[in-house]
Amino acid sequence: MLAAVTFAFAATLQNGAVVAVVAKGTNAGDGVRPSGLVRGKGRRTLFQTPSWLAGIALAGLAAVVHAGALFAPVAIVQPIGVLAVPFAVPFAVVIAAARTRTRPRWPLLLTVAVCRPL
């Protein structure tokens, strides 16, 4: 469960960094366009963003925790790992002040309900 929460938090931090870099480029005119994130200036800018680097560190930590959890049967560990997806939605809403287009309540509850018996 710790790995799932950590993966979700890492993804939220990295997504926030990408959104900030793109927004800065869109407003400044000479910054980074979304298509330029994987090349040159966009990549350098992203790699210098503290939240992106924190997301990478947290993802690495989550991978180590997840690998350690594999001493338990995979049939138990993997469904818990899937819970990173529903955890990421509330993190994004709170941390990145993201707005969802639809109400994600029922899909999130369904995901948790399906993973719970496993």
PDB file of N, CA and C in Angstrom:
ATOM      1  N   MET A   1       0.830  -1.181   0.000  1.00  0.00           N
ATOM      2  CA  MET A   1       0.000   0.000   0.000  1.00  0.00           C
ATOM      3  C   MET A   1       0.880   1.253   0.000  1.00  0.00           C
ATOM      4  N   LEU A   2       1.990   1.195   0.746  1.00  0.00           N
ATOM      5  CA  LEU A   2       2.907   2.333   0.797  1.00  0.00           C
ATOM      6  C   LEU A   2       3.475   2.632  -0.586  1.00  0.00           C
ATOM      7  N   ALA A   3       3.800   1.587  -1.332  1.00  0.00           N
ATOM      8  CA  ALA A   3       4.328   1.790  -2.686  1.00  0.00           C
ATOM      9  C   ALA A   3       3.284   2.449  -3.582  1.00  0.00           C
ATOM     10  N   ALA A   4       2.029   2.032  -3.480  1.00  0.00           N
ATOM     11  CA  ALA A   4       0.969   2.612  -4.310  1.00  0.00           C
ATOM     12  C   ALA A   4       0.783   4.094  -4.001  1.00  0.00           C
ATOM     13  N   VAL A   5       0.775   4.436  -2.733  1.00  0.00           N
ATOM     14  CA  VAL A   5       0.614   5.840  -2.343  1.00  0.00           C
ATOM     15  C   VAL A   5       1.820   6.653  -2.812  1.00  0.00           C
ATOM     16  N   THR A   6       3.022   6.091  -2.678  1.00  0.00           N
ATOM     17  CA  THR A   6       4.230   6.799  -3.088  1.00  0.00           C
ATOM     18  C   THR A   6       4.276   6.981  -4.596  1.00  0.00           C
ATOM     19  N   PHE A   7       3.903   5.944  -5.353  1.00  0.00           N
ATOM     20  CA  PHE A   7       3.827   6.081  -6.810  1.00  0.00           C
ATOM     21  C   PHE A   7       2.836   7.175  -7.198  1.00  0.00           C
ATOM     22  N   ALA A   8       1.683   7.192  -6.550  1.00  0.00           N
ATOM     23  CA  ALA A   8       0.666   8.199  -6.863  1.00  0.00           C
ATOM     24  C   ALA A   8       1.169   9.605  -6.566  1.00  0.00           C
ATOM     25  N   PHE A   9       1.832   9.779  -5.446  1.00  0.00           N
ATOM     26  CA  PHE A   9       2.358  11.091  -5.075  1.00  0.00           C
ATOM     27  C   PHE A   9       3.455  11.518  -6.055  1.00  0.00           C
ATOM     28  N   ALA A  10       4.313  10.577  -6.442  1.00  0.00           N
ATOM     29  CA  ALA A  10       5.373  10.881  -7.411  1.00  0.00           C
ATOM     30  C   ALA A  10       4.782  11.310  -8.750  1.00  0.00           C
ATOM     31  N   ALA A  11       3.770  10.602  -9.211  1.00  0.00           N
ATOM     32  CA  ALA A  11       3.136  10.954 -10.487  1.00  0.00           C
ATOM     33  C   ALA A  11       2.483  12.328 -10.418  1.00  0.00           C
ATOM     34  N   THR A  12       1.883  12.641  -9.275  1.00  0.00           N
ATOM     35  CA  THR A  12       1.253  13.950  -9.108  1.00  0.00           C
ATOM     36  C   THR A  12       2.295  15.065  -9.147  1.00  0.00           C
ATOM     37  N   LEU A  13       3.415  14.859  -8.472  1.00  0.00           N
ATOM     38  CA  LEU A  13       4.486  15.867  -8.488  1.00  0.00           C
ATOM     39  C   LEU A  13       5.030  16.075  -9.899  1.00  0.00           C
ATOM     40  N   GLN A  14       5.270  14.979 -10.602  1.00  0.00           N
ATOM     41  CA  GLN A  14       5.816  15.098 -11.953  1.00  0.00           C
ATOM     42  C   GLN A  14       4.814  15.734 -12.903  1.00  0.00           C
ATOM     43  N   ASN A  15       3.551  15.393 -12.774  1.00  0.00           N
ATOM     44  CA  ASN A  15       2.538  16.008 -13.617  1.00  0.00           C
ATOM     45  C   ASN A  15       2.457  17.505 -13.361  1.00  0.00           C
ATOM     46  N   GLY A  16       2.521  17.892 -12.087  1.00  0.00           N
ATOM     47  CA  GLY A  16       2.507  19.311 -11.754  1.00  0.00           C
ATOM     48  C   GLY A  16       3.690  20.047 -12.353  1.00  0.00           C
ATOM     49  N   ALA A  17       4.860  19.406 -12.377  1.00  0.00           N
ATOM     50  CA  ALA A  17       6.052  20.025 -12.966  1.00  0.00           C
ATOM     51  C   ALA A  17       5.871  20.222 -14.466  1.00  0.00           C
ATOM     52  N   VAL A  18       5.328  19.231 -15.147  1.00  0.00           N
ATOM     53  CA  VAL A  18       5.101  19.347 -16.589  1.00  0.00           C
ATOM     54  C   VAL A  18       4.105  20.455 -16.887  1.00  0.00           C
ATOM     55  N   VAL A  19       3.024  20.492 -16.131  1.00  0.00           N
ATOM     56  CA  VAL A  19       2.011  21.533 -16.336  1.00  0.00           C
ATOM     57  C   VAL A  19       2.617  22.920 -16.112  1.00  0.00           C
ATOM     58  N   ALA A  20       3.445  23.064 -15.079  1.00  0.00           N
ATOM     59  CA  ALA A  20       4.066  24.362 -14.797  1.00  0.00           C
ATOM     60  C   ALA A  20       5.033  24.779 -15.898  1.00  0.00           C
ATOM     61  N   VAL A  21       5.825  23.845 -16.397  1.00  0.00           N
ATOM     62  CA  VAL A  21       6.788  24.173 -17.457  1.00  0.00           C
ATOM     63  C   VAL A  21       6.067  24.552 -18.735  1.00  0.00           C
ATOM     64  N   VAL A  22       5.015  23.825 -19.074  1.00  0.00           N
ATOM     65  CA  VAL A  22       4.252  24.138 -20.288  1.00  0.00           C
ATOM     66  C   VAL A  22       3.537  25.471 -20.135  1.00  0.00           C
ATOM     67  N   ALA A  23       2.939  25.718 -18.960  1.00  0.00           N
ATOM     68  CA  ALA A  23       2.234  26.988 -18.741  1.00  0.00           C
ATOM     69  C   ALA A  23       3.194  28.160 -18.817  1.00  0.00           C
ATOM     70  N   LYS A  24       4.356  28.006 -18.251  1.00  0.00           N
ATOM     71  CA  LYS A  24       5.361  29.063 -18.304  1.00  0.00           C
ATOM     72  C   LYS A  24       5.767  29.342 -19.744  1.00  0.00           C
ATOM     73  N   GLY A  25       5.940  28.287 -20.520  1.00  0.00           N
ATOM     74  CA  GLY A  25       6.302  28.449 -21.931  1.00  0.00           C
ATOM     75  C   GLY A  25       5.187  29.057 -22.737  1.00  0.00           C
ATOM     76  N   THR A  26       3.959  28.720 -22.424  1.00  0.00           N
ATOM     77  CA  THR A  26       2.820  29.249 -23.157  1.00  0.00           C
ATOM     78  C   THR A  26       2.652  30.741 -22.886  1.00  0.00           C
ATOM     79  N   ASN A  27       2.849  31.155 -21.634  1.00  0.00           N
ATOM     80  CA  ASN A  27       2.662  32.564 -21.268  1.00  0.00           C
ATOM     81  C   ASN A  27       3.840  33.436 -21.690  1.00  0.00           C
ATOM     82  N   ALA A  28       5.046  32.900 -21.626  1.00  0.00           N
ATOM     83  CA  ALA A  28       6.231  33.715 -21.908  1.00  0.00           C
ATOM     84  C   ALA A  28       6.490  33.874 -23.399  1.00  0.00           C
ATOM     85  N   GLY A  29       5.982  32.972 -24.190  1.00  0.00           N
ATOM     86  CA  GLY A  29       6.194  33.068 -25.629  1.00  0.00           C
ATOM     87  C   GLY A  29       7.510  32.471 -26.091  1.00  0.00           C
ATOM     88  N   ASP A  30       8.540  32.541 -25.277  1.00  0.00           N
ATOM     89  CA  ASP A  30       9.823  31.973 -25.678  1.00  0.00           C
ATOM     90  C   ASP A  30      10.152  30.714 -24.883  1.00  0.00           C
ATOM     91  N   GLY A  31       9.183  30.191 -24.156  1.00  0.00           N
ATOM     92  CA  GLY A  31       9.421  29.022 -23.310  1.00  0.00           C
ATOM     93  C   GLY A  31       9.243  27.725 -24.058  1.00  0.00           C
ATOM     94  N   VAL A  32       8.691  26.752 -23.391  1.00  0.00           N
ATOM     95  CA  VAL A  32       8.582  25.400 -23.918  1.00  0.00           C
ATOM     96  C   VAL A  32       7.148  25.124 -24.350  1.00  0.00           C
ATOM     97  N   ARG A  33       6.985  24.626 -25.547  1.00  0.00           N
ATOM     98  CA  ARG A  33       5.675  24.166 -25.988  1.00  0.00           C
ATOM     99  C   ARG A  33       5.521  22.707 -25.584  1.00  0.00           C
ATOM    100  N   PRO A  34       4.295  22.203 -25.460  1.00  0.00           N
ATOM    101  CA  PRO A  34       4.119  20.809 -25.050  1.00  0.00           C
ATOM    102  C   PRO A  34       4.898  19.822 -25.915  1.00  0.00           C
ATOM    103  N   SER A  35       4.995  20.082 -27.198  1.00  0.00           N
ATOM    104  CA  SER A  35       5.717  19.160 -28.068  1.00  0.00           C
ATOM    105  C   SER A  35       7.224  19.220 -27.850  1.00  0.00           C
ATOM    106  N   GLY A  36       7.718  20.277 -27.195  1.00  0.00           N
ATOM    107  CA  GLY A  36       9.147  20.429 -26.987  1.00  0.00           C
ATOM    108  C   GLY A  36       9.651  19.892 -25.666  1.00  0.00           C
ATOM    109  N   LEU A  37       8.786  19.245 -24.886  1.00  0.00           N
ATOM    110  CA  LEU A  37       9.212  18.758 -23.580  1.00  0.00           C
ATOM    111  C   LEU A  37      10.241  17.644 -23.668  1.00  0.00           C
ATOM    112  N   VAL A  38      10.235  16.901 -24.732  1.00  0.00           N
ATOM    113  CA  VAL A  38      11.157  15.774 -24.830  1.00  0.00           C
ATOM    114  C   VAL A  38      12.453  16.134 -25.538  1.00  0.00           C
ATOM    115  N   ARG A  39      12.572  17.351 -25.982  1.00  0.00           N
ATOM    116  CA  ARG A  39      13.772  17.772 -26.687  1.00  0.00           C
ATOM    117  C   ARG A  39      14.426  18.950 -25.994  1.00  0.00           C
ATOM    118  N   GLY A  40      15.712  19.077 -26.147  1.00  0.00           N
ATOM    119  CA  GLY A  40      16.506  20.236 -25.790  1.00  0.00           C
ATOM    120  C   GLY A  40      16.091  21.016 -24.568  1.00  0.00           C
ATOM    121  N   LYS A  41      15.631  22.234 -24.792  1.00  0.00           N
ATOM    122  CA  LYS A  41      15.324  23.167 -23.713  1.00  0.00           C
ATOM    123  C   LYS A  41      14.236  22.636 -22.785  1.00  0.00           C
ATOM    124  N   GLY A  42      13.242  21.995 -23.348  1.00  0.00           N
ATOM    125  CA  GLY A  42      12.152  21.460 -22.526  1.00  0.00           C
ATOM    126  C   GLY A  42      12.637  20.423 -21.544  1.00  0.00           C
ATOM    127  N   ARG A  43      13.474  19.532 -22.009  1.00  0.00           N
ATOM    128  CA  ARG A  43      14.001  18.490 -21.138  1.00  0.00           C
ATOM    129  C   ARG A  43      14.903  19.095 -20.059  1.00  0.00           C
ATOM    130  N   ARG A  44      15.754  20.026 -20.440  1.00  0.00           N
ATOM    131  CA  ARG A  44      16.637  20.688 -19.459  1.00  0.00           C
ATOM    132  C   ARG A  44      15.813  21.426 -18.408  1.00  0.00           C
ATOM    133  N   THR A  45      14.806  22.149 -18.866  1.00  0.00           N
ATOM    134  CA  THR A  45      13.955  22.891 -17.930  1.00  0.00           C
ATOM    135  C   THR A  45      13.258  21.942 -16.967  1.00  0.00           C
ATOM    136  N   LEU A  46      12.744  20.858 -17.489  1.00  0.00           N
ATOM    137  CA  LEU A  46      12.046  19.886 -16.658  1.00  0.00           C
ATOM    138  C   LEU A  46      12.990  19.249 -15.645  1.00  0.00           C
ATOM    139  N   PHE A  47      14.190  18.902 -16.067  1.00  0.00           N
ATOM    140  CA  PHE A  47      15.153  18.265 -15.165  1.00  0.00           C
ATOM    141  C   PHE A  47      15.675  19.223 -14.103  1.00  0.00           C
ATOM    142  N   GLN A  48      15.459  20.515 -14.261  1.00  0.00           N
ATOM    143  CA  GLN A  48      15.874  21.496 -13.268  1.00  0.00           C
ATOM    144  C   GLN A  48      14.725  21.884 -12.334  1.00  0.00           C
ATOM    145  N   THR A  49      13.563  21.317 -12.551  1.00  0.00           N
ATOM    146  CA  THR A  49      12.391  21.625 -11.730  1.00  0.00           C
ATOM    147  C   THR A  49      12.401  20.746 -10.474  1.00  0.00           C
ATOM    148  N   PRO A  50      12.395  21.353  -9.285  1.00  0.00           N
ATOM    149  CA  PRO A  50      12.471  20.565  -8.045  1.00  0.00           C
ATOM    150  C   PRO A  50      11.359  19.520  -7.901  1.00  0.00           C
ATOM    151  N   SER A  51      10.143  19.851  -8.295  1.00  0.00           N
ATOM    152  CA  SER A  51       9.064  18.875  -8.132  1.00  0.00           C
ATOM    153  C   SER A  51       9.231  17.684  -9.076  1.00  0.00           C
ATOM    154  N   TRP A  52       9.820  17.902 -10.250  1.00  0.00           N
ATOM    155  CA  TRP A  52      10.093  16.788 -11.161  1.00  0.00           C
ATOM    156  C   TRP A  52      11.137  15.863 -10.541  1.00  0.00           C
ATOM    157  N   LEU A  53      12.194  16.454  -9.995  1.00  0.00           N
ATOM    158  CA  LEU A  53      13.255  15.660  -9.373  1.00  0.00           C
ATOM    159  C   LEU A  53      12.749  14.924  -8.134  1.00  0.00           C
ATOM    160  N   ALA A  54      11.896  15.580  -7.359  1.00  0.00           N
ATOM    161  CA  ALA A  54      11.302  14.918  -6.191  1.00  0.00           C
ATOM    162  C   ALA A  54      10.419  13.751  -6.631  1.00  0.00           C
ATOM    163  N   GLY A  55       9.699  13.930  -7.732  1.00  0.00           N
ATOM    164  CA  GLY A  55       8.875  12.846  -8.269  1.00  0.00           C
ATOM    165  C   GLY A  55       9.714  11.656  -8.695  1.00  0.00           C
ATOM    166  N   ILE A  56      10.870  11.925  -9.312  1.00  0.00           N
ATOM    167  CA  ILE A  56      11.765  10.832  -9.720  1.00  0.00           C
ATOM    168  C   ILE A  56      12.276  10.091  -8.484  1.00  0.00           C
ATOM    169  N   ALA A  57      12.680  10.843  -7.459  1.00  0.00           N
ATOM    170  CA  ALA A  57      13.179  10.219  -6.233  1.00  0.00           C
ATOM    171  C   ALA A  57      12.088   9.381  -5.563  1.00  0.00           C
ATOM    172  N   LEU A  58      10.879   9.913  -5.503  1.00  0.00           N
ATOM    173  CA  LEU A  58       9.777   9.157  -4.892  1.00  0.00           C
ATOM    174  C   LEU A  58       9.407   7.920  -5.706  1.00  0.00           C
ATOM    175  N   ALA A  59       9.463   8.027  -7.026  1.00  0.00           N
ATOM    176  CA  ALA A  59       9.177   6.864  -7.871  1.00  0.00           C
ATOM    177  C   ALA A  59      10.228   5.776  -7.641  1.00  0.00           C
ATOM    178  N   GLY A  60      11.491   6.192  -7.492  1.00  0.00           N
ATOM    179  CA  GLY A  60      12.537   5.219  -7.191  1.00  0.00           C
ATOM    180  C   GLY A  60      12.315   4.548  -5.842  1.00  0.00           C
ATOM    181  N   LEU A  61      11.947   5.340  -4.841  1.00  0.00           N
ATOM    182  CA  LEU A  61      11.648   4.794  -3.520  1.00  0.00           C
ATOM    183  C   LEU A  61      10.463   3.830  -3.593  1.00  0.00           C
ATOM    184  N   ALA A  62       9.431   4.212  -4.333  1.00  0.00           N
ATOM    185  CA  ALA A  62       8.254   3.350  -4.472  1.00  0.00           C
ATOM    186  C   ALA A  62       8.614   2.039  -5.163  1.00  0.00           C
ATOM    187  N   ALA A  63       9.503   2.094  -6.139  1.00  0.00           N
ATOM    188  CA  ALA A  63       9.925   0.865  -6.832  1.00  0.00           C
ATOM    189  C   ALA A  63      10.656  -0.074  -5.870  1.00  0.00           C
ATOM    190  N   VAL A  64      11.483   0.501  -5.009  1.00  0.00           N
ATOM    191  CA  VAL A  64      12.194  -0.325  -4.019  1.00  0.00           C
ATOM    192  C   VAL A  64      11.208  -0.942  -3.032  1.00  0.00           C
ATOM    193  N   VAL A  65      10.255  -0.149  -2.557  1.00  0.00           N
ATOM    194  CA  VAL A  65       9.244  -0.666  -1.627  1.00  0.00           C
ATOM    195  C   VAL A  65       8.403  -1.745  -2.302  1.00  0.00           C
ATOM    196  N   HIS A  66       8.030  -1.508  -3.547  1.00  0.00           N
ATOM    197  CA  HIS A  66       7.224  -2.481  -4.292  1.00  0.00           C
ATOM    198  C   HIS A  66       8.004  -3.786  -4.490  1.00  0.00           C
ATOM    199  N   ALA A  67       9.292  -3.673  -4.832  1.00  0.00           N
ATOM    200  CA  ALA A  67      10.118  -4.871  -5.004  1.00  0.00           C
ATOM    201  C   ALA A  67      10.238  -5.634  -3.684  1.00  0.00           C
ATOM    202  N   GLY A  68      10.363  -4.895  -2.579  1.00  0.00           N
ATOM    203  CA  GLY A  68      10.415  -5.548  -1.275  1.00  0.00           C
ATOM    204  C   GLY A  68       9.122  -6.259  -0.924  1.00  0.00           C
ATOM    205  N   ALA A  69       8.019  -5.708  -1.393  1.00  0.00           N
ATOM    206  CA  ALA A  69       6.717  -6.324  -1.115  1.00  0.00           C
ATOM    207  C   ALA A  69       6.523  -7.614  -1.901  1.00  0.00           C
ATOM    208  N   LEU A  70       7.338  -7.828  -2.912  1.00  0.00           N
ATOM    209  CA  LEU A  70       7.175  -9.033  -3.731  1.00  0.00           C
ATOM    210  C   LEU A  70       7.622 -10.307  -3.021  1.00  0.00           C
ATOM    211  N   PHE A  71       8.026 -10.190  -1.766  1.00  0.00           N
ATOM    212  CA  PHE A  71       8.248 -11.404  -0.973  1.00  0.00           C
ATOM    213  C   PHE A  71       6.905 -12.052  -0.661  1.00  0.00           C
ATOM    214  N   ALA A  72       5.852 -11.280  -0.748  1.00  0.00           N
ATOM    215  CA  ALA A  72       4.492 -11.816  -0.641  1.00  0.00           C
ATOM    216  C   ALA A  72       4.082 -12.309  -2.033  1.00  0.00           C
ATOM    217  N   PRO A  73       3.032 -13.081  -2.127  1.00  0.00           N
ATOM    218  CA  PRO A  73       2.590 -13.551  -3.443  1.00  0.00           C
ATOM    219  C   PRO A  73       2.210 -12.392  -4.377  1.00  0.00           C
ATOM    220  N   VAL A  74       2.558 -12.543  -5.646  1.00  0.00           N
ATOM    221  CA  VAL A  74       2.278 -11.512  -6.645  1.00  0.00           C
ATOM    222  C   VAL A  74       0.780 -11.264  -6.759  1.00  0.00           C
ATOM    223  N   ALA A  75      -0.017 -12.274  -6.566  1.00  0.00           N
ATOM    224  CA  ALA A  75      -1.476 -12.121  -6.655  1.00  0.00           C
ATOM    225  C   ALA A  75      -2.010 -11.161  -5.591  1.00  0.00           C
ATOM    226  N   ILE A  76      -1.254 -10.943  -4.546  1.00  0.00           N
ATOM    227  CA  ILE A  76      -1.659  -9.987  -3.511  1.00  0.00           C
ATOM    228  C   ILE A  76      -1.040  -8.623  -3.774  1.00  0.00           C
ATOM    229  N   VAL A  77       0.221  -8.594  -4.174  1.00  0.00           N
ATOM    230  CA  VAL A  77       0.959  -7.337  -4.315  1.00  0.00           C
ATOM    231  C   VAL A  77       0.479  -6.513  -5.511  1.00  0.00           C
ATOM    232  N   GLN A  78       0.278  -7.137  -6.648  1.00  0.00           N
ATOM    233  CA  GLN A  78      -0.079  -6.393  -7.860  1.00  0.00           C
ATOM    234  C   GLN A  78      -1.413  -5.659  -7.769  1.00  0.00           C
ATOM    235  N   PRO A  79      -2.489  -6.288  -7.268  1.00  0.00           N
ATOM    236  CA  PRO A  79      -3.740  -5.518  -7.152  1.00  0.00           C
ATOM    237  C   PRO A  79      -3.605  -4.312  -6.225  1.00  0.00           C
ATOM    238  N   ILE A  80      -2.793  -4.434  -5.201  1.00  0.00           N
ATOM    239  CA  ILE A  80      -2.585  -3.285  -4.314  1.00  0.00           C
ATOM    240  C   ILE A  80      -1.819  -2.197  -5.060  1.00  0.00           C
ATOM    241  N   GLY A  81      -0.879  -2.587  -5.924  1.00  0.00           N
ATOM    242  CA  GLY A  81      -0.137  -1.622  -6.733  1.00  0.00           C
ATOM    243  C   GLY A  81      -1.029  -0.850  -7.679  1.00  0.00           C
ATOM    244  N   VAL A  82      -2.082  -1.481  -8.150  1.00  0.00           N
ATOM    245  CA  VAL A  82      -3.027  -0.824  -9.059  1.00  0.00           C
ATOM    246  C   VAL A  82      -3.738   0.330  -8.359  1.00  0.00           C
ATOM    247  N   LEU A  83      -3.799   0.294  -7.057  1.00  0.00           N
ATOM    248  CA  LEU A  83      -4.469   1.350  -6.310  1.00  0.00           C
ATOM    249  C   LEU A  83      -3.757   2.694  -6.423  1.00  0.00           C
ATOM    250  N   ALA A  84      -2.568   2.724  -7.010  1.00  0.00           N
ATOM    251  CA  ALA A  84      -1.879   4.001  -7.231  1.00  0.00           C
ATOM    252  C   ALA A  84      -2.725   4.911  -8.120  1.00  0.00           C
ATOM    253  N   VAL A  85      -3.468   4.332  -9.037  1.00  0.00           N
ATOM    254  CA  VAL A  85      -4.289   5.144  -9.944  1.00  0.00           C
ATOM    255  C   VAL A  85      -5.390   5.886  -9.193  1.00  0.00           C
ATOM    256  N   PRO A  86      -6.229   5.208  -8.399  1.00  0.00           N
ATOM    257  CA  PRO A  86      -7.240   5.984  -7.679  1.00  0.00           C
ATOM    258  C   PRO A  86      -6.660   6.902  -6.607  1.00  0.00           C
ATOM    259  N   PHE A  87      -5.487   6.580  -6.073  1.00  0.00           N
ATOM    260  CA  PHE A  87      -4.858   7.478  -5.107  1.00  0.00           C
ATOM    261  C   PHE A  87      -4.369   8.752  -5.779  1.00  0.00           C
ATOM    262  N   ALA A  88      -3.958   8.663  -7.028  1.00  0.00           N
ATOM    263  CA  ALA A  88      -3.395   9.823  -7.730  1.00  0.00           C
ATOM    264  C   ALA A  88      -4.445  10.901  -7.992  1.00  0.00           C
ATOM    265  N   VAL A  89      -5.685  10.522  -8.172  1.00  0.00           N
ATOM    266  CA  VAL A  89      -6.729  11.506  -8.491  1.00  0.00           C
ATOM    267  C   VAL A  89      -6.942  12.493  -7.341  1.00  0.00           C
ATOM    268  N   PRO A  90      -7.176  12.045  -6.104  1.00  0.00           N
ATOM    269  CA  PRO A  90      -7.329  13.040  -5.035  1.00  0.00           C
ATOM    270  C   PRO A  90      -6.047  13.820  -4.768  1.00  0.00           C
ATOM    271  N   PHE A  91      -4.881  13.173  -4.937  1.00  0.00           N
ATOM    272  CA  PHE A  91      -3.627  13.903  -4.778  1.00  0.00           C
ATOM    273  C   PHE A  91      -3.550  15.043  -5.781  1.00  0.00           C
ATOM    274  N   ALA A  92      -3.921  14.771  -7.019  1.00  0.00           N
ATOM    275  CA  ALA A  92      -3.862  15.809  -8.059  1.00  0.00           C
ATOM    276  C   ALA A  92      -4.836  16.935  -7.758  1.00  0.00           C
ATOM    277  N   VAL A  93      -5.994  16.591  -7.256  1.00  0.00           N
ATOM    278  CA  VAL A  93      -6.989  17.621  -6.936  1.00  0.00           C
ATOM    279  C   VAL A  93      -6.487  18.512  -5.804  1.00  0.00           C
ATOM    280  N   VAL A  94      -5.875  17.917  -4.797  1.00  0.00           N
ATOM    281  CA  VAL A  94      -5.429  18.684  -3.633  1.00  0.00           C
ATOM    282  C   VAL A  94      -4.091  19.378  -3.887  1.00  0.00           C
ATOM    283  N   ILE A  95      -3.107  18.640  -4.362  1.00  0.00           N
ATOM    284  CA  ILE A  95      -1.751  19.180  -4.489  1.00  0.00           C
ATOM    285  C   ILE A  95      -1.609  20.081  -5.705  1.00  0.00           C
ATOM    286  N   ALA A  96      -2.042  19.605  -6.850  1.00  0.00           N
ATOM    287  CA  ALA A  96      -1.849  20.368  -8.084  1.00  0.00           C
ATOM    288  C   ALA A  96      -3.037  21.257  -8.408  1.00  0.00           C
ATOM    289  N   ALA A  97      -4.041  21.271  -7.569  1.00  0.00           N
ATOM    290  CA  ALA A  97      -5.250  22.052  -7.797  1.00  0.00           C
ATOM    291  C   ALA A  97      -5.859  21.750  -9.165  1.00  0.00           C
ATOM    292  N   ALA A  98      -5.802  20.474  -9.526  1.00  0.00           N
ATOM    293  CA  ALA A  98      -6.360  20.045 -10.812  1.00  0.00           C
ATOM    294  C   ALA A  98      -7.874  19.921 -10.696  1.00  0.00           C
ATOM    295  N   ARG A  99      -8.523  20.158 -11.792  1.00  0.00           N
ATOM    296  CA  ARG A  99      -9.972  19.985 -11.833  1.00  0.00           C
ATOM    297  C   ARG A  99     -10.284  18.834 -12.764  1.00  0.00           C
ATOM    298  N   THR A 100     -11.212  17.992 -12.334  1.00  0.00           N
ATOM    299  CA  THR A 100     -11.610  16.875 -13.173  1.00  0.00           C
ATOM    300  C   THR A 100     -12.813  17.300 -14.009  1.00  0.00           C
ATOM    301  N   ARG A 101     -12.892  16.774 -15.207  1.00  0.00           N
ATOM    302  CA  ARG A 101     -14.008  17.129 -16.102  1.00  0.00           C
ATOM    303  C   ARG A 101     -15.295  16.438 -15.697  1.00  0.00           C
ATOM    304  N   THR A 102     -15.142  15.257 -15.139  1.00  0.00           N
ATOM    305  CA  THR A 102     -16.309  14.499 -14.689  1.00  0.00           C
ATOM    306  C   THR A 102     -16.105  14.147 -13.224  1.00  0.00           C
ATOM    307  N   ARG A 103     -17.120  13.630 -12.642  1.00  0.00           N
ATOM    308  CA  ARG A 103     -16.996  13.199 -11.253  1.00  0.00           C
ATOM    309  C   ARG A 103     -16.340  11.815 -11.232  1.00  0.00           C
ATOM    310  N   PRO A 104     -15.125  11.738 -10.724  1.00  0.00           N
ATOM    311  CA  PRO A 104     -14.428  10.454 -10.745  1.00  0.00           C
ATOM    312  C   PRO A 104     -14.797   9.528  -9.592  1.00  0.00           C
ATOM    313  N   ARG A 105     -15.782   9.907  -8.806  1.00  0.00           N
ATOM    314  CA  ARG A 105     -16.109   9.145  -7.611  1.00  0.00           C
ATOM    315  C   ARG A 105     -16.426   7.682  -7.913  1.00  0.00           C
ATOM    316  N   TRP A 106     -17.339   7.408  -8.848  1.00  0.00           N
ATOM    317  CA  TRP A 106     -17.763   6.027  -9.083  1.00  0.00           C
ATOM    318  C   TRP A 106     -16.675   5.174  -9.727  1.00  0.00           C
ATOM    319  N   PRO A 107     -15.947   5.652 -10.725  1.00  0.00           N
ATOM    320  CA  PRO A 107     -14.848   4.824 -11.244  1.00  0.00           C
ATOM    321  C   PRO A 107     -13.781   4.521 -10.187  1.00  0.00           C
ATOM    322  N   LEU A 108     -13.505   5.489  -9.328  1.00  0.00           N
ATOM    323  CA  LEU A 108     -12.512   5.263  -8.276  1.00  0.00           C
ATOM    324  C   LEU A 108     -13.008   4.236  -7.266  1.00  0.00           C
ATOM    325  N   LEU A 109     -14.247   4.380  -6.859  1.00  0.00           N
ATOM    326  CA  LEU A 109     -14.812   3.416  -5.917  1.00  0.00           C
ATOM    327  C   LEU A 109     -14.883   2.016  -6.514  1.00  0.00           C
ATOM    328  N   LEU A 110     -15.197   1.921  -7.794  1.00  0.00           N
ATOM    329  CA  LEU A 110     -15.237   0.624  -8.457  1.00  0.00           C
ATOM    330  C   LEU A 110     -13.852  -0.015  -8.501  1.00  0.00           C
ATOM    331  N   THR A 111     -12.835   0.774  -8.785  1.00  0.00           N
ATOM    332  CA  THR A 111     -11.462   0.254  -8.808  1.00  0.00           C
ATOM    333  C   THR A 111     -11.062  -0.272  -7.439  1.00  0.00           C
ATOM    334  N   VAL A 112     -11.353   0.490  -6.408  1.00  0.00           N
ATOM    335  CA  VAL A 112     -11.016   0.058  -5.046  1.00  0.00           C
ATOM    336  C   VAL A 112     -11.816  -1.188  -4.672  1.00  0.00           C
ATOM    337  N   ALA A 113     -13.096  -1.234  -5.044  1.00  0.00           N
ATOM    338  CA  ALA A 113     -13.939  -2.383  -4.707  1.00  0.00           C
ATOM    339  C   ALA A 113     -13.453  -3.661  -5.390  1.00  0.00           C
ATOM    340  N   VAL A 114     -12.993  -3.534  -6.628  1.00  0.00           N
ATOM    341  CA  VAL A 114     -12.509  -4.716  -7.341  1.00  0.00           C
ATOM    342  C   VAL A 114     -11.196  -5.207  -6.744  1.00  0.00           C
ATOM    343  N   CYS A 115     -10.338  -4.286  -6.322  1.00  0.00           N
ATOM    344  CA  CYS A 115      -9.038  -4.665  -5.769  1.00  0.00           C
ATOM    345  C   CYS A 115      -9.118  -5.140  -4.333  1.00  0.00           C
ATOM    346  N   ARG A 116     -10.137  -4.741  -3.619  1.00  0.00           N
ATOM    347  CA  ARG A 116     -10.233  -5.049  -2.188  1.00  0.00           C
ATOM    348  C   ARG A 116     -10.262  -6.556  -1.892  1.00  0.00           C
ATOM    349  N   PRO A 117     -11.075  -7.345  -2.584  1.00  0.00           N
ATOM    350  CA  PRO A 117     -11.105  -8.783  -2.242  1.00  0.00           C
ATOM    351  C   PRO A 117      -9.787  -9.492  -2.552  1.00  0.00           C
ATOM    352  N   LEU A 118      -9.004  -8.936  -3.464  1.00  0.00           N
ATOM    353  CA  LEU A 118      -7.768  -9.608  -3.838  1.00  0.00           C
ATOM    354  C   LEU A 118      -6.743  -9.413  -2.760  1.00  0.00           C
TER     355      LEU A 118
END
